[in-house]
PDB file of N, CA and C in Angstrom:
ATOM      1  N   MET A   1      -0.353  92.295 212.096  1.00  0.00           N
ATOM      2  CA  MET A   1      -0.113  92.517 211.157  1.00  0.00           C
ATOM      3  C   MET A   1      -0.282  94.268 210.478  1.00  0.00           C
ATOM      4  N   GLN A   2       0.728  94.925 209.659  1.00  0.00           N
ATOM      5  CA  GLN A   2       0.456  96.049 209.740  1.00  0.00           C
ATOM      6  C   GLN A   2       0.776  96.378 207.772  1.00  0.00           C
ATOM      7  N   VAL A   3       0.456  97.502 207.557  1.00  0.00           N
ATOM      8  CA  VAL A   3      -0.005  97.823 206.036  1.00  0.00           C
ATOM      9  C   VAL A   3       0.724  99.533 206.014  1.00  0.00           C
ATOM     10  N   LYS A   4       1.144  99.294 204.457  1.00  0.00           N
ATOM     11  CA  LYS A   4       1.801 100.507 204.461  1.00  0.00           C
ATOM     12  C   LYS A   4       1.116 100.484 203.025  1.00  0.00           C
ATOM     13  N   LEU A   5       0.843 102.039 202.888  1.00  0.00           N
ATOM     14  CA  LEU A   5       0.128 102.035 201.093  1.00  0.00           C
ATOM     15  C   LEU A   5       1.124 103.369 200.391  1.00  0.00           C
ATOM     16  N   PHE A   6       1.683 102.964 199.251  1.00  0.00           N
ATOM     17  CA  PHE A   6       2.192 103.900 198.600  1.00  0.00           C
ATOM     18  C   PHE A   6       1.534 104.376 197.013  1.00  0.00           C
ATOM     19  N   ARG A   7       1.164 105.454 196.983  1.00  0.00           N
ATOM     20  CA  ARG A   7       0.345 106.236 195.797  1.00  0.00           C
ATOM     21  C   ARG A   7       1.336 107.206 194.799  1.00  0.00           C
ATOM     22  N   ALA A   8       1.706 106.739 193.672  1.00  0.00           N
ATOM     23  CA  ALA A   8       2.126 107.774 192.516  1.00  0.00           C
ATOM     24  C   ALA A   8       1.849 107.968 191.195  1.00  0.00           C
ATOM     25  N   GLY A   9       2.341 108.872 190.418  1.00  0.00           N
ATOM     26  CA  GLY A   9       1.558 108.994 189.016  1.00  0.00           C
ATOM     27  C   GLY A   9       2.431 108.396 187.822  1.00  0.00           C
ATOM     28  N   SER A  10       3.283 107.342 188.647  1.00  0.00           N
ATOM     29  CA  SER A  10       4.101 106.853 187.593  1.00  0.00           C
ATOM     30  C   SER A  10       4.820 105.335 188.238  1.00  0.00           C
ATOM     31  N   THR A  11       5.059 104.835 187.801  1.00  0.00           N
ATOM     32  CA  THR A  11       5.809 103.271 187.829  1.00  0.00           C
ATOM     33  C   THR A  11       6.518 103.973 188.626  1.00  0.00           C
ATOM     34  N   ASP A  12       7.697 104.734 188.045  1.00  0.00           N
ATOM     35  CA  ASP A  12       8.969 104.759 188.183  1.00  0.00           C
ATOM     36  C   ASP A  12       8.985 105.528 189.504  1.00  0.00           C
ATOM     37  N   ALA A  13       7.834 106.509 189.790  1.00  0.00           N
ATOM     38  CA  ALA A  13       7.863 107.300 191.284  1.00  0.00           C
ATOM     39  C   ALA A  13       7.747 106.019 192.188  1.00  0.00           C
ATOM     40  N   LEU A  14       6.705 105.132 191.902  1.00  0.00           N
ATOM     41  CA  LEU A  14       5.873 104.360 192.505  1.00  0.00           C
ATOM     42  C   LEU A  14       7.089 103.137 193.009  1.00  0.00           C
ATOM     43  N   GLU A  15       7.785 103.027 192.238  1.00  0.00           N
ATOM     44  CA  GLU A  15       9.390 102.200 192.677  1.00  0.00           C
ATOM     45  C   GLU A  15      10.125 102.790 193.525  1.00  0.00           C
ATOM     46  N   SER A  16      10.280 104.113 192.979  1.00  0.00           N
ATOM     47  CA  SER A  16      11.513 104.955 193.832  1.00  0.00           C
ATOM     48  C   SER A  16      11.099 105.174 195.519  1.00  0.00           C
ATOM     49  N   GLU A  17       9.655 105.328 195.727  1.00  0.00           N
ATOM     50  CA  GLU A  17       8.800 105.373 196.841  1.00  0.00           C
ATOM     51  C   GLU A  17       9.171 103.725 197.718  1.00  0.00           C
ATOM     52  N   VAL A  18       8.807 102.879 197.076  1.00  0.00           N
ATOM     53  CA  VAL A  18       8.816 101.667 197.482  1.00  0.00           C
ATOM     54  C   VAL A  18      10.519 101.690 197.900  1.00  0.00           C
ATOM     55  N   ASN A  19      10.885 101.707 197.033  1.00  0.00           N
ATOM     56  CA  ASN A  19      12.474 101.055 197.157  1.00  0.00           C
ATOM     57  C   ASN A  19      13.692 102.191 198.818  1.00  0.00           C
ATOM     58  N   ALA A  20      12.797 103.560 198.642  1.00  0.00           N
ATOM     59  CA  ALA A  20      13.320 104.179 199.513  1.00  0.00           C
ATOM     60  C   ALA A  20      12.669 103.768 201.022  1.00  0.00           C
ATOM     61  N   TRP A  21      11.690 103.402 201.067  1.00  0.00           N
ATOM     62  CA  TRP A  21      10.740 103.045 202.433  1.00  0.00           C
ATOM     63  C   TRP A  21      11.574 101.346 203.142  1.00  0.00           C
ATOM     64  N   LEU A  22      11.738 100.668 201.906  1.00  0.00           N
ATOM     65  CA  LEU A  22      12.407  99.601 202.477  1.00  0.00           C
ATOM     66  C   LEU A  22      13.794  99.623 202.564  1.00  0.00           C
ATOM     67  N   LYS A  23      14.622 100.696 202.146  1.00  0.00           N
ATOM     68  CA  LYS A  23      15.760 101.030 202.550  1.00  0.00           C
ATOM     69  C   LYS A  23      15.929 101.233 204.065  1.00  0.00           C
ATOM     70  N   VAL A  24      14.865 101.645 204.395  1.00  0.00           N
ATOM     71  CA  VAL A  24      15.028 102.318 205.843  1.00  0.00           C
ATOM     72  C   VAL A  24      14.607 101.745 206.572  1.00  0.00           C
ATOM     73  N   ASN A  25      13.272 100.313 206.255  1.00  0.00           N
ATOM     74  CA  ASN A  25      12.576  99.487 206.935  1.00  0.00           C
ATOM     75  C   ASN A  25      13.030  97.872 207.034  1.00  0.00           C
ATOM     76  N   GLY A  26      13.726  97.733 205.677  1.00  0.00           N
ATOM     77  CA  GLY A  26      13.687  96.370 204.848  1.00  0.00           C
ATOM     78  C   GLY A  26      14.049  95.376 205.950  1.00  0.00           C
ATOM     79  N   ASP A  27      15.171  95.917 207.327  1.00  0.00           N
ATOM     80  CA  ASP A  27      15.485  94.971 208.337  1.00  0.00           C
ATOM     81  C   ASP A  27      15.076  94.886 209.332  1.00  0.00           C
ATOM     82  N   ARG A  28      13.886  95.385 209.390  1.00  0.00           N
ATOM     83  CA  ARG A  28      13.239  95.345 210.783  1.00  0.00           C
ATOM     84  C   ARG A  28      11.840  94.633 210.094  1.00  0.00           C
ATOM     85  N   ILE A  29      11.233  94.024 208.918  1.00  0.00           N
ATOM     86  CA  ILE A  29       9.501  93.712 208.564  1.00  0.00           C
ATOM     87  C   ILE A  29      10.214  92.417 207.949  1.00  0.00           C
ATOM     88  N   ASP A  30       9.295  92.084 207.983  1.00  0.00           N
ATOM     89  CA  ASP A  30       8.869  90.296 207.645  1.00  0.00           C
ATOM     90  C   ASP A  30       8.055  90.651 206.592  1.00  0.00           C
ATOM     91  N   ILE A  31       7.951  90.659 205.388  1.00  0.00           N
ATOM     92  CA  ILE A  31       6.704  91.300 204.325  1.00  0.00           C
ATOM     93  C   ILE A  31       5.750  89.383 204.083  1.00  0.00           C
ATOM     94  N   GLU A  32       4.671  90.074 204.172  1.00  0.00           N
ATOM     95  CA  GLU A  32       3.861  88.657 203.898  1.00  0.00           C
ATOM     96  C   GLU A  32       2.981  89.021 202.722  1.00  0.00           C
ATOM     97  N   HIS A  33       2.637  89.844 202.126  1.00  0.00           N
ATOM     98  CA  HIS A  33       1.997  90.055 200.713  1.00  0.00           C
ATOM     99  C   HIS A  33       2.098  91.407 200.514  1.00  0.00           C
ATOM    100  N   THR A  34       1.894  91.678 199.070  1.00  0.00           N
ATOM    101  CA  THR A  34       2.025  92.677 198.536  1.00  0.00           C
ATOM    102  C   THR A  34       1.097  92.868 197.543  1.00  0.00           C
ATOM    103  N   GLN A  35       0.788  94.188 196.739  1.00  0.00           N
ATOM    104  CA  GLN A  35      -0.715  94.203 196.005  1.00  0.00           C
ATOM    105  C   GLN A  35      -0.582  95.590 195.169  1.00  0.00           C
ATOM    106  N   ILE A  36      -0.646  95.867 193.941  1.00  0.00           N
ATOM    107  CA  ILE A  36      -0.348  96.830 192.999  1.00  0.00           C
ATOM    108  C   ILE A  36      -1.483  96.875 192.597  1.00  0.00           C
ATOM    109  N   PHE A  37      -2.176  98.629 192.440  1.00  0.00           N
ATOM    110  CA  PHE A  37      -3.647  98.426 191.784  1.00  0.00           C
ATOM    111  C   PHE A  37      -3.145  99.867 190.923  1.00  0.00           C
ATOM    112  N   THR A  38      -4.031 100.017 190.006  1.00  0.00           N
ATOM    113  CA  THR A  38      -4.412 101.209 189.101  1.00  0.00           C
ATOM    114  C   THR A  38      -5.732 101.731 188.888  1.00  0.00           C
ATOM    115  N   SER A  39      -5.432 103.027 189.022  1.00  0.00           N
ATOM    116  CA  SER A  39      -6.836 103.829 188.893  1.00  0.00           C
ATOM    117  C   SER A  39      -6.827 104.873 188.130  1.00  0.00           C
ATOM    118  N   LEU A  40      -7.596 105.368 187.462  1.00  0.00           N
ATOM    119  CA  LEU A  40      -8.124 106.992 187.170  1.00  0.00           C
ATOM    120  C   LEU A  40      -8.426 107.477 187.726  1.00  0.00           C
ATOM    121  N   VAL A  41      -7.828 108.648 188.034  1.00  0.00           N
ATOM    122  CA  VAL A  41      -8.408 109.866 188.901  1.00  0.00           C
ATOM    123  C   VAL A  41      -8.527 111.079 188.093  1.00  0.00           C
ATOM    124  N   SER A  42      -9.559 111.646 188.325  1.00  0.00           N
ATOM    125  CA  SER A  42      -9.844 112.958 187.443  1.00  0.00           C
ATOM    126  C   SER A  42      -9.158 114.068 188.102  1.00  0.00           C
ATOM    127  N   ASN A  43      -8.481 114.884 187.558  1.00  0.00           N
ATOM    128  CA  ASN A  43      -7.994 116.208 188.255  1.00  0.00           C
ATOM    129  C   ASN A  43      -9.215 117.428 188.171  1.00  0.00           C
ATOM    130  N   SER A  44      -8.896 118.269 188.858  1.00  0.00           N
ATOM    131  CA  SER A  44     -10.277 119.319 189.089  1.00  0.00           C
ATOM    132  C   SER A  44     -10.240 119.771 187.547  1.00  0.00           C
ATOM    133  N   ASP A  45      -9.153 120.291 186.797  1.00  0.00           N
ATOM    134  CA  ASP A  45      -9.334 121.124 185.555  1.00  0.00           C
ATOM    135  C   ASP A  45      -8.425 120.430 184.523  1.00  0.00           C
ATOM    136  N   ALA A  46      -7.985 118.682 184.786  1.00  0.00           N
ATOM    137  CA  ALA A  46      -7.649 118.569 183.729  1.00  0.00           C
ATOM    138  C   ALA A  46      -8.045 117.014 183.471  1.00  0.00           C
ATOM    139  N   GLU A  47      -7.485 116.506 182.077  1.00  0.00           N
ATOM    140  CA  GLU A  47      -7.856 115.005 182.056  1.00  0.00           C
ATOM    141  C   GLU A  47      -7.633 114.304 183.365  1.00  0.00           C
ATOM    142  N   ALA A  48      -8.224 113.107 182.993  1.00  0.00           N
ATOM    143  CA  ALA A  48      -8.130 112.172 184.084  1.00  0.00           C
ATOM    144  C   ALA A  48      -6.320 111.289 183.509  1.00  0.00           C
ATOM    145  N   GLY A  49      -6.007 111.051 184.567  1.00  0.00           N
ATOM    146  CA  GLY A  49      -4.746 110.535 184.919  1.00  0.00           C
ATOM    147  C   GLY A  49      -4.769 109.099 185.780  1.00  0.00           C
ATOM    148  N   THR A  50      -3.499 108.384 185.398  1.00  0.00           N
ATOM    149  CA  THR A  50      -3.300 107.191 186.311  1.00  0.00           C
ATOM    150  C   THR A  50      -2.911 106.978 187.367  1.00  0.00           C
ATOM    151  N   VAL A  51      -3.110 106.383 188.248  1.00  0.00           N
ATOM    152  CA  VAL A  51      -2.500 106.572 189.546  1.00  0.00           C
ATOM    153  C   VAL A  51      -2.245 105.046 190.095  1.00  0.00           C
ATOM    154  N   TYR A  52      -1.208 105.184 190.240  1.00  0.00           N
ATOM    155  CA  TYR A  52      -0.113 103.779 191.066  1.00  0.00           C
ATOM    156  C   TYR A  52      -0.425 103.342 192.484  1.00  0.00           C
ATOM    157  N   ILE A  53      -1.047 102.430 192.611  1.00  0.00           N
ATOM    158  CA  ILE A  53      -1.100 102.329 194.079  1.00  0.00           C
ATOM    159  C   ILE A  53      -0.334 100.745 194.514  1.00  0.00           C
ATOM    160  N   ALA A  54       0.517 100.894 195.606  1.00  0.00           N
ATOM    161  CA  ALA A  54       0.985 100.005 196.206  1.00  0.00           C
ATOM    162  C   ALA A  54       0.893  99.417 197.624  1.00  0.00           C
ATOM    163  N   SER A  55       0.443  98.389 198.238  1.00  0.00           N
ATOM    164  CA  SER A  55       0.360  97.796 199.533  1.00  0.00           C
ATOM    165  C   SER A  55       1.269  96.997 199.760  1.00  0.00           C
ATOM    166  N   ILE A  56       1.983  97.175 200.824  1.00  0.00           N
ATOM    167  CA  ILE A  56       2.445  95.750 201.672  1.00  0.00           C
ATOM    168  C   ILE A  56       2.291  95.930 202.610  1.00  0.00           C
ATOM    169  N   TRP A  57       1.960  94.294 202.921  1.00  0.00           N
ATOM    170  CA  TRP A  57       1.519  93.788 204.487  1.00  0.00           C
ATOM    171  C   TRP A  57       2.669  93.265 205.079  1.00  0.00           C
ATOM    172  N   TYR A  58       2.846  93.504 206.273  1.00  0.00           N
ATOM    173  CA  TYR A  58       3.952  93.273 206.857  1.00  0.00           C
ATOM    174  C   TYR A  58       3.654  93.010 208.303  1.00  0.00           C
ATOM    175  N   PHE A  59       5.123  92.470 209.003  1.00  0.00           N
ATOM    176  CA  PHE A  59       5.287  92.121 210.327  1.00  0.00           C
ATOM    177  C   PHE A  59       6.313  92.888 210.859  1.00  0.00           C
ATOM    178  N   GLU A  60       6.288  93.517 211.776  1.00  0.00           N
ATOM    179  CA  GLU A  60       7.818  94.280 212.519  1.00  0.00           C
ATOM    180  C   GLU A  60       8.324  93.019 212.851  1.00  0.00           C
ATOM    181  N   ILE A  61       9.692  92.339 212.845  1.00  0.00           N
ATOM    182  CA  ILE A  61      10.426  91.522 213.120  1.00  0.00           C
ATOM    183  C   ILE A  61      10.195  92.045 214.974  1.00  0.00           C
ATOM    184  N   THR A  62      10.723  92.631 215.273  1.00  0.00           N
ATOM    185  CA  THR A  62      11.039  92.721 216.445  1.00  0.00           C
ATOM    186  C   THR A  62       9.795  92.704 217.446  1.00  0.00           C
ATOM    187  N   LYS A  63       8.070  92.836 216.881  1.00  0.00           N
ATOM    188  CA  LYS A  63       7.037  92.712 217.804  1.00  0.00           C
ATOM    189  C   LYS A  63       6.631  91.321 217.241  1.00  0.00           C
ATOM    190  N   ARG A  64       7.260  90.149 216.825  1.00  0.00           N
ATOM    191  CA  ARG A  64       6.783  89.167 216.407  1.00  0.00           C
ATOM    192  C   ARG A  64       7.120  87.939 217.478  1.00  0.00           C
TER     193      ARG A  64
END
């Protein structure tokens, strides 16, 4: 099983990244599990911001 991680500063950006990856790889994978995380991250000279992280656990169909 493999995992792909995505990280973005907004839910819209995260959704765009995941959808772009699925558009390229969706026919070749079998998704087994997904998770979404949120976290506060401090920037060096700015206030803390929220980061959204998604993980997709999958099998490549050709290797199964």
